[in-house]
mmCIF file of all heavy atoms, coordinates in Angstrom:
data_MODEL
# 
_entry.id   MODEL 
# 
loop_
_atom_site.group_PDB 
_atom_site.id 
_atom_site.type_symbol 
_atom_site.label_atom_id 
_atom_site.label_alt_id 
_atom_site.label_comp_id 
_atom_site.label_asym_id 
_atom_site.label_entity_id 
_atom_site.label_seq_id 
_atom_site.pdbx_PDB_ins_code 
_atom_site.Cartn_x 
_atom_site.Cartn_y 
_atom_site.Cartn_z 
_atom_site.occupancy 
_atom_site.B_iso_or_equiv 
_atom_site.pdbx_formal_charge 
_atom_site.auth_seq_id 
_atom_site.auth_comp_id 
_atom_site.auth_asym_id 
_atom_site.auth_atom_id 
_atom_site.pdbx_PDB_model_num 
ATOM 1   N N   . VAL A 1 1  ? -3.510 12.467  -11.502 1.00 0.00 ? 1  VAL A N   1 
ATOM 2   C CA  . VAL A 1 1  ? -2.267 12.459  -10.792 1.00 0.00 ? 1  VAL A CA  1 
ATOM 3   C C   . VAL A 1 1  ? -2.505 12.397  -9.268  1.00 0.00 ? 1  VAL A C   1 
ATOM 4   O O   . VAL A 1 1  ? -1.849 11.660  -8.537  1.00 0.00 ? 1  VAL A O   1 
ATOM 5   C CB  . VAL A 1 1  ? -1.366 13.660  -11.187 1.00 0.00 ? 1  VAL A CB  1 
ATOM 6   C CG1 . VAL A 1 1  ? -0.169 13.818  -10.250 1.00 0.00 ? 1  VAL A CG1 1 
ATOM 7   C CG2 . VAL A 1 1  ? -0.880 13.509  -12.600 1.00 0.00 ? 1  VAL A CG2 1 
ATOM 8   N N   . ASP A 1 2  ? -3.450 13.191  -8.845  1.00 0.00 ? 2  ASP A N   1 
ATOM 9   C CA  . ASP A 1 2  ? -3.826 13.207  -7.375  1.00 0.00 ? 2  ASP A CA  1 
ATOM 10  C C   . ASP A 1 2  ? -4.280 11.847  -6.922  1.00 0.00 ? 2  ASP A C   1 
ATOM 11  O O   . ASP A 1 2  ? -3.934 11.340  -5.840  1.00 0.00 ? 2  ASP A O   1 
ATOM 12  C CB  . ASP A 1 2  ? -4.873 14.224  -7.072  1.00 0.00 ? 2  ASP A CB  1 
ATOM 13  C CG  . ASP A 1 2  ? -4.311 15.668  -7.134  1.00 0.00 ? 2  ASP A CG  1 
ATOM 14  O OD1 . ASP A 1 2  ? -3.093 15.811  -7.066  1.00 0.00 ? 2  ASP A OD1 1 
ATOM 15  O OD2 . ASP A 1 2  ? -5.136 16.592  -7.289  1.00 0.00 ? 2  ASP A OD2 1 
ATOM 16  N N   . SER A 1 3  ? -5.128 11.193  -7.763  1.00 0.00 ? 3  SER A N   1 
ATOM 17  C CA  . SER A 1 3  ? -5.671 9.850   -7.343  1.00 0.00 ? 3  SER A CA  1 
ATOM 18  C C   . SER A 1 3  ? -4.516 8.842   -7.397  1.00 0.00 ? 3  SER A C   1 
ATOM 19  O O   . SER A 1 3  ? -4.462 7.927   -6.514  1.00 0.00 ? 3  SER A O   1 
ATOM 20  C CB  . SER A 1 3  ? -6.789 9.431   -8.288  1.00 0.00 ? 3  SER A CB  1 
ATOM 21  O OG  . SER A 1 3  ? -6.391 9.299   -9.594  1.00 0.00 ? 3  SER A OG  1 
ATOM 22  N N   . LEU A 1 4  ? -3.643 8.949   -8.327  1.00 0.00 ? 4  LEU A N   1 
ATOM 23  C CA  . LEU A 1 4  ? -2.470 8.033   -8.367  1.00 0.00 ? 4  LEU A CA  1 
ATOM 24  C C   . LEU A 1 4  ? -1.571 8.202   -7.166  1.00 0.00 ? 4  LEU A C   1 
ATOM 25  O O   . LEU A 1 4  ? -1.111 7.236   -6.566  1.00 0.00 ? 4  LEU A O   1 
ATOM 26  C CB  . LEU A 1 4  ? -1.678 8.222   -9.645  1.00 0.00 ? 4  LEU A CB  1 
ATOM 27  C CG  . LEU A 1 4  ? -0.478 7.346   -9.875  1.00 0.00 ? 4  LEU A CG  1 
ATOM 28  C CD1 . LEU A 1 4  ? -0.912 5.858   -9.968  1.00 0.00 ? 4  LEU A CD1 1 
ATOM 29  C CD2 . LEU A 1 4  ? 0.282  7.745   -11.101 1.00 0.00 ? 4  LEU A CD2 1 
ATOM 30  N N   . VAL A 1 5  ? -1.322 9.436   -6.800  1.00 0.00 ? 5  VAL A N   1 
ATOM 31  C CA  . VAL A 1 5  ? -0.458 9.730   -5.668  1.00 0.00 ? 5  VAL A CA  1 
ATOM 32  C C   . VAL A 1 5  ? -1.104 9.218   -4.371  1.00 0.00 ? 5  VAL A C   1 
ATOM 33  O O   . VAL A 1 5  ? -0.456 8.600   -3.509  1.00 0.00 ? 5  VAL A O   1 
ATOM 34  C CB  . VAL A 1 5  ? -0.133 11.251  -5.576  1.00 0.00 ? 5  VAL A CB  1 
ATOM 35  C CG1 . VAL A 1 5  ? 0.467  11.605  -4.227  1.00 0.00 ? 5  VAL A CG1 1 
ATOM 36  C CG2 . VAL A 1 5  ? 0.816  11.640  -6.717  1.00 0.00 ? 5  VAL A CG2 1 
ATOM 37  N N   . SER A 1 6  ? -2.416 9.441   -4.220  1.00 0.00 ? 6  SER A N   1 
ATOM 38  C CA  . SER A 1 6  ? -3.083 8.953   -3.008  1.00 0.00 ? 6  SER A CA  1 
ATOM 39  C C   . SER A 1 6  ? -3.120 7.425   -2.981  1.00 0.00 ? 6  SER A C   1 
ATOM 40  O O   . SER A 1 6  ? -2.932 6.841   -1.874  1.00 0.00 ? 6  SER A O   1 
ATOM 41  C CB  . SER A 1 6  ? -4.519 9.475   -2.944  1.00 0.00 ? 6  SER A CB  1 
ATOM 42  O OG  . SER A 1 6  ? -5.306 9.018   -4.004  1.00 0.00 ? 6  SER A OG  1 
ATOM 43  N N   . PHE A 1 7  ? -3.293 6.766   -4.142  1.00 0.00 ? 7  PHE A N   1 
ATOM 44  C CA  . PHE A 1 7  ? -3.216 5.325   -4.165  1.00 0.00 ? 7  PHE A CA  1 
ATOM 45  C C   . PHE A 1 7  ? -1.855 4.809   -3.789  1.00 0.00 ? 7  PHE A C   1 
ATOM 46  O O   . PHE A 1 7  ? -1.755 3.849   -2.989  1.00 0.00 ? 7  PHE A O   1 
ATOM 47  C CB  . PHE A 1 7  ? -3.657 4.812   -5.565  1.00 0.00 ? 7  PHE A CB  1 
ATOM 48  C CG  . PHE A 1 7  ? -3.449 3.344   -5.710  1.00 0.00 ? 7  PHE A CG  1 
ATOM 49  C CD1 . PHE A 1 7  ? -4.319 2.393   -5.164  1.00 0.00 ? 7  PHE A CD1 1 
ATOM 50  C CD2 . PHE A 1 7  ? -2.341 2.837   -6.425  1.00 0.00 ? 7  PHE A CD2 1 
ATOM 51  C CE1 . PHE A 1 7  ? -4.142 1.047   -5.323  1.00 0.00 ? 7  PHE A CE1 1 
ATOM 52  C CE2 . PHE A 1 7  ? -2.158 1.490   -6.559  1.00 0.00 ? 7  PHE A CE2 1 
ATOM 53  C CZ  . PHE A 1 7  ? -3.038 0.602   -6.029  1.00 0.00 ? 7  PHE A CZ  1 
ATOM 54  N N   . LEU A 1 8  ? -0.825 5.435   -4.335  1.00 0.00 ? 8  LEU A N   1 
ATOM 55  C CA  . LEU A 1 8  ? 0.509  5.000   -4.014  1.00 0.00 ? 8  LEU A CA  1 
ATOM 56  C C   . LEU A 1 8  ? 0.887  5.224   -2.563  1.00 0.00 ? 8  LEU A C   1 
ATOM 57  O O   . LEU A 1 8  ? 1.548  4.386   -1.930  1.00 0.00 ? 8  LEU A O   1 
ATOM 58  C CB  . LEU A 1 8  ? 1.520  5.699   -4.946  1.00 0.00 ? 8  LEU A CB  1 
ATOM 59  C CG  . LEU A 1 8  ? 1.495  5.233   -6.409  1.00 0.00 ? 8  LEU A CG  1 
ATOM 60  C CD1 . LEU A 1 8  ? 2.496  6.066   -7.220  1.00 0.00 ? 8  LEU A CD1 1 
ATOM 61  C CD2 . LEU A 1 8  ? 1.842  3.756   -6.503  1.00 0.00 ? 8  LEU A CD2 1 
ATOM 62  N N   . SER A 1 9  ? 0.476  6.336   -1.997  1.00 0.00 ? 9  SER A N   1 
ATOM 63  C CA  . SER A 1 9  ? 0.769  6.601   -0.582  1.00 0.00 ? 9  SER A CA  1 
ATOM 64  C C   . SER A 1 9  ? 0.022  5.594   0.309   1.00 0.00 ? 9  SER A C   1 
ATOM 65  O O   . SER A 1 9  ? 0.567  5.084   1.309   1.00 0.00 ? 9  SER A O   1 
ATOM 66  C CB  . SER A 1 9  ? 0.404  8.019   -0.199  1.00 0.00 ? 9  SER A CB  1 
ATOM 67  O OG  . SER A 1 9  ? -1.001 8.190   -0.297  1.00 0.00 ? 9  SER A OG  1 
ATOM 68  N N   . GLU A 1 10 ? -1.229 5.257   -0.041  1.00 0.00 ? 10 GLU A N   1 
ATOM 69  C CA  . GLU A 1 10 ? -1.970 4.230   0.726   1.00 0.00 ? 10 GLU A CA  1 
ATOM 70  C C   . GLU A 1 10 ? -1.305 2.861   0.586   1.00 0.00 ? 10 GLU A C   1 
ATOM 71  O O   . GLU A 1 10 ? -1.198 2.126   1.558   1.00 0.00 ? 10 GLU A O   1 
ATOM 72  C CB  . GLU A 1 10 ? -3.386 4.185   0.235   1.00 0.00 ? 10 GLU A CB  1 
ATOM 73  C CG  . GLU A 1 10 ? -4.272 3.291   1.062   1.00 0.00 ? 10 GLU A CG  1 
ATOM 74  C CD  . GLU A 1 10 ? -5.759 3.350   0.596   1.00 0.00 ? 10 GLU A CD  1 
ATOM 75  O OE1 . GLU A 1 10 ? -6.159 4.407   0.040   1.00 0.00 ? 10 GLU A OE1 1 
ATOM 76  O OE2 . GLU A 1 10 ? -6.411 2.322   0.751   1.00 0.00 ? 10 GLU A OE2 1 
ATOM 77  N N   . PHE A 1 11 ? -0.828 2.566   -0.640  1.00 0.00 ? 11 PHE A N   1 
ATOM 78  C CA  . PHE A 1 11 ? -0.131 1.330   -0.895  1.00 0.00 ? 11 PHE A CA  1 
ATOM 79  C C   . PHE A 1 11 ? 1.144  1.210   -0.082  1.00 0.00 ? 11 PHE A C   1 
ATOM 80  O O   . PHE A 1 11 ? 1.434  0.156   0.498   1.00 0.00 ? 11 PHE A O   1 
ATOM 81  C CB  . PHE A 1 11 ? 0.176  1.165   -2.391  1.00 0.00 ? 11 PHE A CB  1 
ATOM 82  C CG  . PHE A 1 11 ? 0.853  -0.102  -2.743  1.00 0.00 ? 11 PHE A CG  1 
ATOM 83  C CD1 . PHE A 1 11 ? 0.067  -1.282  -2.883  1.00 0.00 ? 11 PHE A CD1 1 
ATOM 84  C CD2 . PHE A 1 11 ? 2.199  -0.194  -2.988  1.00 0.00 ? 11 PHE A CD2 1 
ATOM 85  C CE1 . PHE A 1 11 ? 0.636  -2.453  -3.216  1.00 0.00 ? 11 PHE A CE1 1 
ATOM 86  C CE2 . PHE A 1 11 ? 2.801  -1.416  -3.305  1.00 0.00 ? 11 PHE A CE2 1 
ATOM 87  C CZ  . PHE A 1 11 ? 2.010  -2.522  -3.480  1.00 0.00 ? 11 PHE A CZ  1 
ATOM 88  N N   . VAL A 1 12 ? 1.908  2.286   -0.028  1.00 0.00 ? 12 VAL A N   1 
ATOM 89  C CA  . VAL A 1 12 ? 3.146  2.305   0.793   1.00 0.00 ? 12 VAL A CA  1 
ATOM 90  C C   . VAL A 1 12 ? 2.827  2.143   2.257   1.00 0.00 ? 12 VAL A C   1 
ATOM 91  O O   . VAL A 1 12 ? 3.550  1.433   2.975   1.00 0.00 ? 12 VAL A O   1 
ATOM 92  C CB  . VAL A 1 12 ? 3.941  3.603   0.503   1.00 0.00 ? 12 VAL A CB  1 
ATOM 93  C CG1 . VAL A 1 12 ? 5.101  3.764   1.490   1.00 0.00 ? 12 VAL A CG1 1 
ATOM 94  C CG2 . VAL A 1 12 ? 4.524  3.562   -0.913  1.00 0.00 ? 12 VAL A CG2 1 
ATOM 95  N N   . ASP A 1 13 ? 1.814  2.789   2.730   1.00 0.00 ? 13 ASP A N   1 
ATOM 96  C CA  . ASP A 1 13 ? 1.409  2.640   4.129   1.00 0.00 ? 13 ASP A CA  1 
ATOM 97  C C   . ASP A 1 13 ? 1.043  1.198   4.461   1.00 0.00 ? 13 ASP A C   1 
ATOM 98  O O   . ASP A 1 13 ? 1.446  0.672   5.505   1.00 0.00 ? 13 ASP A O   1 
ATOM 99  C CB  . ASP A 1 13 ? 0.234  3.566   4.502   1.00 0.00 ? 13 ASP A CB  1 
ATOM 100 C CG  . ASP A 1 13 ? 0.629  5.027   4.500   1.00 0.00 ? 13 ASP A CG  1 
ATOM 101 O OD1 . ASP A 1 13 ? 1.851  5.309   4.577   1.00 0.00 ? 13 ASP A OD1 1 
ATOM 102 O OD2 . ASP A 1 13 ? -0.276 5.915   4.354   1.00 0.00 ? 13 ASP A OD2 1 
ATOM 103 N N   . ASP A 1 14 ? 0.256  0.581   3.586   1.00 0.00 ? 14 ASP A N   1 
ATOM 104 C CA  . ASP A 1 14 ? -0.091 -0.847  3.793   1.00 0.00 ? 14 ASP A CA  1 
ATOM 105 C C   . ASP A 1 14 ? 1.149  -1.734  3.719   1.00 0.00 ? 14 ASP A C   1 
ATOM 106 O O   . ASP A 1 14 ? 1.297  -2.762  4.428   1.00 0.00 ? 14 ASP A O   1 
ATOM 107 C CB  . ASP A 1 14 ? -1.116 -1.293  2.763   1.00 0.00 ? 14 ASP A CB  1 
ATOM 108 C CG  . ASP A 1 14 ? -2.500 -0.772  3.082   1.00 0.00 ? 14 ASP A CG  1 
ATOM 109 O OD1 . ASP A 1 14 ? -2.739 -0.326  4.205   1.00 0.00 ? 14 ASP A OD1 1 
ATOM 110 O OD2 . ASP A 1 14 ? -3.364 -0.772  2.152   1.00 0.00 ? 14 ASP A OD2 1 
ATOM 111 N N   . TRP A 1 15 ? 2.046  -1.412  2.817   1.00 0.00 ? 15 TRP A N   1 
ATOM 112 C CA  . TRP A 1 15 ? 3.246  -2.201  2.618   1.00 0.00 ? 15 TRP A CA  1 
ATOM 113 C C   . TRP A 1 15 ? 4.112  -2.199  3.864   1.00 0.00 ? 15 TRP A C   1 
ATOM 114 O O   . TRP A 1 15 ? 4.667  -3.173  4.284   1.00 0.00 ? 15 TRP A O   1 
ATOM 115 C CB  . TRP A 1 15 ? 4.030  -1.676  1.432   1.00 0.00 ? 15 TRP A CB  1 
ATOM 116 C CG  . TRP A 1 15 ? 5.174  -2.548  1.052   1.00 0.00 ? 15 TRP A CG  1 
ATOM 117 C CD1 . TRP A 1 15 ? 6.482  -2.430  1.470   1.00 0.00 ? 15 TRP A CD1 1 
ATOM 118 C CD2 . TRP A 1 15 ? 5.164  -3.643  0.124   1.00 0.00 ? 15 TRP A CD2 1 
ATOM 119 N NE1 . TRP A 1 15 ? 7.250  -3.437  0.844   1.00 0.00 ? 15 TRP A NE1 1 
ATOM 120 C CE2 . TRP A 1 15 ? 6.474  -4.122  0.054   1.00 0.00 ? 15 TRP A CE2 1 
ATOM 121 C CE3 . TRP A 1 15 ? 4.189  -4.225  -0.690  1.00 0.00 ? 15 TRP A CE3 1 
ATOM 122 C CZ2 . TRP A 1 15 ? 6.814  -5.205  -0.763  1.00 0.00 ? 15 TRP A CZ2 1 
ATOM 123 C CZ3 . TRP A 1 15 ? 4.530  -5.268  -1.484  1.00 0.00 ? 15 TRP A CZ3 1 
ATOM 124 C CH2 . TRP A 1 15 ? 5.801  -5.767  -1.547  1.00 0.00 ? 15 TRP A CH2 1 
ATOM 125 N N   . LEU A 1 16 ? 4.214  -0.985  4.468   1.00 0.00 ? 16 LEU A N   1 
ATOM 126 C CA  . LEU A 1 16 ? 5.031  -0.878  5.639   1.00 0.00 ? 16 LEU A CA  1 
ATOM 127 C C   . LEU A 1 16 ? 4.364  -1.432  6.922   1.00 0.00 ? 16 LEU A C   1 
ATOM 128 O O   . LEU A 1 16 ? 5.001  -1.737  7.895   1.00 0.00 ? 16 LEU A O   1 
ATOM 129 C CB  . LEU A 1 16 ? 5.369  0.598   5.913   1.00 0.00 ? 16 LEU A CB  1 
ATOM 130 C CG  . LEU A 1 16 ? 6.270  1.221   4.839   1.00 0.00 ? 16 LEU A CG  1 
ATOM 131 C CD1 . LEU A 1 16 ? 6.470  2.729   5.100   1.00 0.00 ? 16 LEU A CD1 1 
ATOM 132 C CD2 . LEU A 1 16 ? 7.611  0.541   4.752   1.00 0.00 ? 16 LEU A CD2 1 
ATOM 133 N N   . ALA A 1 17 ? 3.015  -1.626  6.843   1.00 0.00 ? 17 ALA A N   1 
ATOM 134 C CA  . ALA A 1 17 ? 2.288  -2.154  7.994   1.00 0.00 ? 17 ALA A CA  1 
ATOM 135 C C   . ALA A 1 17 ? 2.586  -3.620  8.201   1.00 0.00 ? 17 ALA A C   1 
ATOM 136 O O   . ALA A 1 17 ? 2.437  -4.130  9.284   1.00 0.00 ? 17 ALA A O   1 
ATOM 137 C CB  . ALA A 1 17 ? 0.795  -1.907  7.820   1.00 0.00 ? 17 ALA A CB  1 
ATOM 138 N N   . ASN A 1 18 ? 2.918  -4.349  7.093   1.00 0.00 ? 18 ASN A N   1 
ATOM 139 C CA  . ASN A 1 18 ? 3.234  -5.778  7.132   1.00 0.00 ? 18 ASN A CA  1 
ATOM 140 C C   . ASN A 1 18 ? 2.075  -6.619  7.694   1.00 0.00 ? 18 ASN A C   1 
ATOM 141 O O   . ASN A 1 18 ? 2.305  -7.502  8.514   1.00 0.00 ? 18 ASN A O   1 
ATOM 142 C CB  . ASN A 1 18 ? 4.515  -6.017  7.962   1.00 0.00 ? 18 ASN A CB  1 
ATOM 143 C CG  . ASN A 1 18 ? 5.707  -6.277  7.030   1.00 0.00 ? 18 ASN A CG  1 
ATOM 144 O OD1 . ASN A 1 18 ? 5.496  -6.499  5.867   1.00 0.00 ? 18 ASN A OD1 1 
ATOM 145 N ND2 . ASN A 1 18 ? 6.877  -6.296  7.650   1.00 0.00 ? 18 ASN A ND2 1 
ATOM 146 N N   . ASP A 1 19 ? 0.883  -6.382  7.297   1.00 0.00 ? 19 ASP A N   1 
ATOM 147 C CA  . ASP A 1 19 ? -0.236 -7.216  7.695   1.00 0.00 ? 19 ASP A CA  1 
ATOM 148 C C   . ASP A 1 19 ? -0.348 -8.409  6.778   1.00 0.00 ? 19 ASP A C   1 
ATOM 149 O O   . ASP A 1 19 ? 0.461  -8.610  5.908   1.00 0.00 ? 19 ASP A O   1 
ATOM 150 C CB  . ASP A 1 19 ? -1.520 -6.409  7.810   1.00 0.00 ? 19 ASP A CB  1 
ATOM 151 C CG  . ASP A 1 19 ? -1.959 -5.827  6.474   1.00 0.00 ? 19 ASP A CG  1 
ATOM 152 O OD1 . ASP A 1 19 ? -1.163 -5.859  5.538   1.00 0.00 ? 19 ASP A OD1 1 
ATOM 153 O OD2 . ASP A 1 19 ? -3.071 -5.332  6.356   1.00 0.00 ? 19 ASP A OD2 1 
ATOM 154 N N   . MET A 1 20 ? -1.415 -9.177  6.953   1.00 0.00 ? 20 MET A N   1 
ATOM 155 C CA  . MET A 1 20 ? -1.582 -10.449 6.247   1.00 0.00 ? 20 MET A CA  1 
ATOM 156 C C   . MET A 1 20 ? -1.777 -10.180 4.714   1.00 0.00 ? 20 MET A C   1 
ATOM 157 O O   . MET A 1 20 ? -1.258 -10.925 3.907   1.00 0.00 ? 20 MET A O   1 
ATOM 158 C CB  . MET A 1 20 ? -2.784 -11.218 6.787   1.00 0.00 ? 20 MET A CB  1 
ATOM 159 C CG  . MET A 1 20 ? -2.930 -12.591 6.148   1.00 0.00 ? 20 MET A CG  1 
ATOM 160 S SD  . MET A 1 20 ? -1.504 -13.647 6.311   1.00 0.00 ? 20 MET A SD  1 
ATOM 161 C CE  . MET A 1 20 ? -1.561 -14.036 8.005   1.00 0.00 ? 20 MET A CE  1 
ATOM 162 N N   . ARG A 1 21 ? -2.521 -9.154  4.352   1.00 0.00 ? 21 ARG A N   1 
ATOM 163 C CA  . ARG A 1 21 ? -2.736 -8.853  2.936   1.00 0.00 ? 21 ARG A CA  1 
ATOM 164 C C   . ARG A 1 21 ? -1.433 -8.560  2.256   1.00 0.00 ? 21 ARG A C   1 
ATOM 165 O O   . ARG A 1 21 ? -1.192 -9.014  1.105   1.00 0.00 ? 21 ARG A O   1 
ATOM 166 C CB  . ARG A 1 21 ? -3.689 -7.662  2.769   1.00 0.00 ? 21 ARG A CB  1 
ATOM 167 C CG  . ARG A 1 21 ? -5.075 -7.899  3.213   1.00 0.00 ? 21 ARG A CG  1 
ATOM 168 C CD  . ARG A 1 21 ? -5.927 -6.699  2.967   1.00 0.00 ? 21 ARG A CD  1 
ATOM 169 N NE  . ARG A 1 21 ? -5.356 -5.562  3.696   1.00 0.00 ? 21 ARG A NE  1 
ATOM 170 C CZ  . ARG A 1 21 ? -5.577 -4.282  3.356   1.00 0.00 ? 21 ARG A CZ  1 
ATOM 171 N NH1 . ARG A 1 21 ? -6.304 -3.982  2.336   1.00 0.00 ? 21 ARG A NH1 1 
ATOM 172 N NH2 . ARG A 1 21 ? -5.034 -3.301  4.019   1.00 0.00 ? 21 ARG A NH2 1 
ATOM 173 N N   . VAL A 1 22 ? -0.582 -7.822  2.915   1.00 0.00 ? 22 VAL A N   1 
ATOM 174 C CA  . VAL A 1 22 ? 0.748  -7.481  2.282   1.00 0.00 ? 22 VAL A CA  1 
ATOM 175 C C   . VAL A 1 22 ? 1.580  -8.769  2.160   1.00 0.00 ? 22 VAL A C   1 
ATOM 176 O O   . VAL A 1 22 ? 2.279  -8.924  1.159   1.00 0.00 ? 22 VAL A O   1 
ATOM 177 C CB  . VAL A 1 22 ? 1.444  -6.396  3.144   1.00 0.00 ? 22 VAL A CB  1 
ATOM 178 C CG1 . VAL A 1 22 ? 2.837  -6.185  2.585   1.00 0.00 ? 22 VAL A CG1 1 
ATOM 179 C CG2 . VAL A 1 22 ? 0.618  -5.124  3.137   1.00 0.00 ? 22 VAL A CG2 1 
ATOM 180 N N   . ALA A 1 23 ? 1.547  -9.615  3.154   1.00 0.00 ? 23 ALA A N   1 
ATOM 181 C CA  . ALA A 1 23 ? 2.327  -10.852 3.089   1.00 0.00 ? 23 ALA A CA  1 
ATOM 182 C C   . ALA A 1 23 ? 1.846  -11.740 1.894   1.00 0.00 ? 23 ALA A C   1 
ATOM 183 O O   . ALA A 1 23 ? 2.674  -12.286 1.183   1.00 0.00 ? 23 ALA A O   1 
ATOM 184 C CB  . ALA A 1 23 ? 2.224  -11.629 4.400   1.00 0.00 ? 23 ALA A CB  1 
ATOM 185 N N   . VAL A 1 24 ? 0.522  -11.850 1.783   1.00 0.00 ? 24 VAL A N   1 
ATOM 186 C CA  . VAL A 1 24 ? -0.041 -12.627 0.669   1.00 0.00 ? 24 VAL A CA  1 
ATOM 187 C C   . VAL A 1 24 ? 0.371  -12.004 -0.642  1.00 0.00 ? 24 VAL A C   1 
ATOM 188 O O   . VAL A 1 24 ? 0.745  -12.671 -1.624  1.00 0.00 ? 24 VAL A O   1 
ATOM 189 C CB  . VAL A 1 24 ? -1.546 -12.788 0.782   1.00 0.00 ? 24 VAL A CB  1 
ATOM 190 C CG1 . VAL A 1 24 ? -2.167 -13.361 -0.469  1.00 0.00 ? 24 VAL A CG1 1 
ATOM 191 C CG2 . VAL A 1 24 ? -1.872 -13.677 2.011   1.00 0.00 ? 24 VAL A CG2 1 
ATOM 192 N N   . PHE A 1 25 ? 0.259  -10.687 -0.734  1.00 0.00 ? 25 PHE A N   1 
ATOM 193 C CA  . PHE A 1 25 ? 0.642  -9.973  -1.982  1.00 0.00 ? 25 PHE A CA  1 
ATOM 194 C C   . PHE A 1 25 ? 2.094  -10.202 -2.290  1.00 0.00 ? 25 PHE A C   1 
ATOM 195 O O   . PHE A 1 25 ? 2.475  -10.438 -3.438  1.00 0.00 ? 25 PHE A O   1 
ATOM 196 C CB  . PHE A 1 25 ? 0.347  -8.454  -1.840  1.00 0.00 ? 25 PHE A CB  1 
ATOM 197 C CG  . PHE A 1 25 ? 0.725  -7.702  -3.007  1.00 0.00 ? 25 PHE A CG  1 
ATOM 198 C CD1 . PHE A 1 25 ? -0.069 -7.693  -4.156  1.00 0.00 ? 25 PHE A CD1 1 
ATOM 199 C CD2 . PHE A 1 25 ? 1.910  -6.953  -3.046  1.00 0.00 ? 25 PHE A CD2 1 
ATOM 200 C CE1 . PHE A 1 25 ? 0.280  -6.957  -5.284  1.00 0.00 ? 25 PHE A CE1 1 
ATOM 201 C CE2 . PHE A 1 25 ? 2.257  -6.211  -4.161  1.00 0.00 ? 25 PHE A CE2 1 
ATOM 202 C CZ  . PHE A 1 25 ? 1.461  -6.228  -5.259  1.00 0.00 ? 25 PHE A CZ  1 
ATOM 203 N N   . LYS A 1 26 ? 2.964  -10.118 -1.310  1.00 0.00 ? 26 LYS A N   1 
ATOM 204 C CA  . LYS A 1 26 ? 4.429  -10.353 -1.552  1.00 0.00 ? 26 LYS A CA  1 
ATOM 205 C C   . LYS A 1 26 ? 4.676  -11.756 -2.030  1.00 0.00 ? 26 LYS A C   1 
ATOM 206 O O   . LYS A 1 26 ? 5.483  -11.980 -2.968  1.00 0.00 ? 26 LYS A O   1 
ATOM 207 C CB  . LYS A 1 26 ? 5.220  -10.064 -0.256  1.00 0.00 ? 26 LYS A CB  1 
ATOM 208 C CG  . LYS A 1 26 ? 5.316  -8.608  0.111   1.00 0.00 ? 26 LYS A CG  1 
ATOM 209 C CD  . LYS A 1 26 ? 6.106  -8.448  1.374   1.00 0.00 ? 26 LYS A CD  1 
ATOM 210 C CE  . LYS A 1 26 ? 6.201  -7.008  1.789   1.00 0.00 ? 26 LYS A CE  1 
ATOM 211 N NZ  . LYS A 1 26 ? 6.978  -6.842  3.063   1.00 0.00 ? 26 LYS A NZ  1 
# 
């Protein structure tokens, strides 16, 4: 659960950053 929560929080941070990786992923 801790690893899942840390992964999701990192994912949300990257998602909100709107960099190139996030744009390609979207």
